[in-house]
């Protein structure tokens, strides 16, 4: 089969458009980059933070998430399998009654939800929960 220049260019443009429009999934590097941006590369500890997420979510469009880190200045919430892993950042001032948050997020299939809290002394706490999505969601 012979292809002229116009057909060749059209095929290339179509392929590029298809690749651009396909949903992508965050890579481990994207998640690590988001964590490093928040922590400055510091180590995290699993103690002192609570992350509550369902093990199985029936609908990936509205997955309930709760995070609690008493004394935290800020908490970042990440969804490792979403096209953009950064879900939310909660900042707490000195007048905050509690350093806890609850929200509903969209998840694309089975993935880890990660919460990291920044404490006033410069340490970081980390909690992680795997969530399996049965239907719907962000490409799931």
Protein backbone atom coordinates (compact mmCIF):
# COMPACT_ATOMS: atom_id res chain seq x y z
CA UNK A 1 0.00 0.00 0.00
CA UNK A 2 1.37 3.37 -0.97
CA UNK A 3 0.82 6.44 1.14
CA UNK A 4 1.14 9.98 -0.07
CA UNK A 5 2.43 12.85 2.05
CA UNK A 6 -1.07 14.13 2.95
CA UNK A 7 -2.16 10.68 4.19
CA UNK A 8 1.03 10.27 6.18
CA UNK A 9 0.64 13.64 7.92
CA UNK A 10 -3.05 12.99 8.59
CA UNK A 11 -2.26 9.63 10.18
CA UNK A 12 0.39 11.20 12.40
CA UNK A 13 -1.89 14.02 13.51
CA UNK A 14 -4.71 11.57 14.29
CA UNK A 15 -2.42 9.34 16.33
CA UNK A 16 -1.05 12.31 18.27
CA UNK A 17 -4.58 13.54 19.03
CA UNK A 18 -5.64 10.09 20.22
CA UNK A 19 -2.65 9.79 22.54
CA UNK A 20 -3.27 13.28 23.92
CA UNK A 21 -6.93 12.57 24.65
CA UNK A 22 -6.36 9.22 26.37
CA UNK A 23 -6.61 9.48 30.17
CA UNK A 24 -3.31 8.91 31.86
CA UNK A 25 -2.61 7.42 35.25
CA UNK A 26 -0.20 8.95 37.72
CA UNK A 27 3.11 7.18 37.93
CA UNK A 28 4.99 6.40 41.12
CA UNK A 29 7.30 9.27 40.16
CA UNK A 30 4.33 11.70 40.13
CA UNK A 31 3.28 10.56 43.60
CA UNK A 32 6.86 10.69 44.90
CA UNK A 33 7.30 14.18 43.44
CA UNK A 34 4.12 15.40 45.16
CA UNK A 35 5.25 13.89 48.47
CA UNK A 36 8.73 15.39 48.15
CA UNK A 37 7.28 18.80 47.30
CA UNK A 38 5.20 18.68 50.50
CA UNK A 39 7.85 17.16 52.81
CA UNK A 40 10.98 18.61 51.26
CA UNK A 41 12.32 15.05 51.06
CA UNK A 42 12.02 14.43 54.83
CA UNK A 43 11.19 11.00 56.20
CA UNK A 44 7.65 10.20 57.35
CA UNK A 45 6.42 8.29 60.38
CA UNK A 46 3.26 6.13 60.47
CA UNK A 47 2.32 7.12 64.03
CA UNK A 48 -0.09 9.88 65.00
CA UNK A 49 -2.23 10.12 61.86
CA UNK A 50 -5.47 8.32 61.09
CA UNK A 51 -6.80 7.79 57.58
CA UNK A 52 -10.25 6.27 57.19
CA UNK A 53 -11.18 5.07 53.70
CA UNK A 54 -13.34 2.14 52.60
CA UNK A 55 -11.55 -1.04 51.55
CA UNK A 56 -14.11 -1.42 48.76
CA UNK A 57 -15.88 1.58 47.23
CA UNK A 58 -19.04 0.77 45.27
CA UNK A 59 -18.86 4.03 43.35
CA UNK A 60 -15.53 5.61 42.42
CA UNK A 61 -17.18 8.98 41.84
CA UNK A 62 -17.76 9.64 45.56
CA UNK A 63 -15.40 7.80 47.87
CA UNK A 64 -15.63 9.08 51.48
CA UNK A 65 -12.27 9.86 53.09
CA UNK A 66 -11.49 11.06 56.62
CA UNK A 67 -8.11 12.07 57.96
CA UNK A 68 -7.15 13.13 61.49
CA UNK A 69 -3.74 14.30 62.68
CA UNK A 70 -3.96 16.10 66.05
CA UNK A 71 -1.64 19.08 66.14
CA UNK A 72 -0.91 19.12 62.39
CA UNK A 73 -0.28 22.36 60.50
CA UNK A 74 -1.28 20.86 57.15
CA UNK A 75 -2.42 17.58 55.64
CA UNK A 76 -2.04 16.58 51.99
CA UNK A 77 -4.25 13.91 50.45
CA UNK A 78 -3.06 11.93 47.41
CA UNK A 79 -4.69 9.30 45.17
CA UNK A 80 -1.83 7.31 43.66
CA UNK A 81 -3.75 5.93 40.66
CA UNK A 82 -5.52 9.09 39.51
CA UNK A 83 -4.34 11.10 36.49
CA UNK A 84 -3.39 13.88 38.92
CA UNK A 85 -2.44 12.41 42.31
CA UNK A 86 -2.89 15.65 44.30
CA UNK A 87 -6.43 15.53 45.68
CA UNK A 88 -6.47 18.13 48.46
CA UNK A 89 -4.36 20.07 50.94
CA UNK A 90 -5.88 21.09 54.25
CA UNK A 91 -4.17 23.90 56.18
CA UNK A 92 -4.90 24.49 59.86
CA UNK A 93 -4.32 27.75 61.71
CA UNK A 94 -3.77 28.24 65.42
CA UNK A 95 -7.50 28.81 65.98
CA UNK A 96 -8.51 25.48 64.40
CA UNK A 97 -10.58 23.42 66.80
CA UNK A 98 -9.32 20.14 65.33
CA UNK A 99 -6.82 19.08 62.72
CA UNK A 100 -9.13 16.73 60.88
CA UNK A 101 -10.93 16.76 57.55
CA UNK A 102 -13.45 14.67 55.68
CA UNK A 103 -14.25 14.80 52.00
CA UNK A 104 -15.39 12.71 49.07
CA UNK A 105 -12.97 12.06 46.24
CA UNK A 106 -12.96 10.42 42.82
CA UNK A 107 -10.84 7.34 42.38
CA UNK A 108 -9.82 5.55 39.19
CA UNK A 109 -9.87 1.85 40.01
CA UNK A 110 -7.89 0.07 42.71
CA UNK A 111 -5.26 2.32 44.23
CA UNK A 112 -3.67 3.68 47.37
CA UNK A 113 -4.95 6.79 49.10
CA UNK A 114 -2.15 8.54 51.00
CA UNK A 115 -2.37 11.22 53.69
CA UNK A 116 0.70 13.09 54.94
CA UNK A 117 0.59 15.57 57.82
CA UNK A 118 3.14 18.31 58.53
CA UNK A 119 3.64 18.83 62.26
CA UNK A 120 4.77 22.09 63.91
CA UNK A 121 8.17 20.59 64.83
CA UNK A 122 8.96 19.89 61.16
CA UNK A 123 8.22 16.15 61.23
CA UNK A 124 5.84 14.41 58.86
CA UNK A 125 3.30 11.66 59.50
CA UNK A 126 2.00 9.28 56.82
CA UNK A 127 -0.99 6.98 56.52
CA UNK A 128 -1.96 4.87 53.51
CA UNK A 129 -5.03 2.80 52.63
CA UNK A 130 -5.71 0.68 49.56
CA UNK A 131 -9.18 1.23 48.07
CA UNK A 132 -10.78 -1.05 45.49
CA UNK A 133 -13.37 0.59 43.26
CA UNK A 134 -16.07 -1.67 41.84
CA UNK A 135 -17.77 0.69 39.33
CA UNK A 136 -17.57 4.19 37.90
CA UNK A 137 -15.01 6.67 39.08
CA UNK A 138 -12.20 8.44 37.33
CA UNK A 139 -11.80 6.09 34.37
CA UNK A 140 -12.56 2.98 36.48
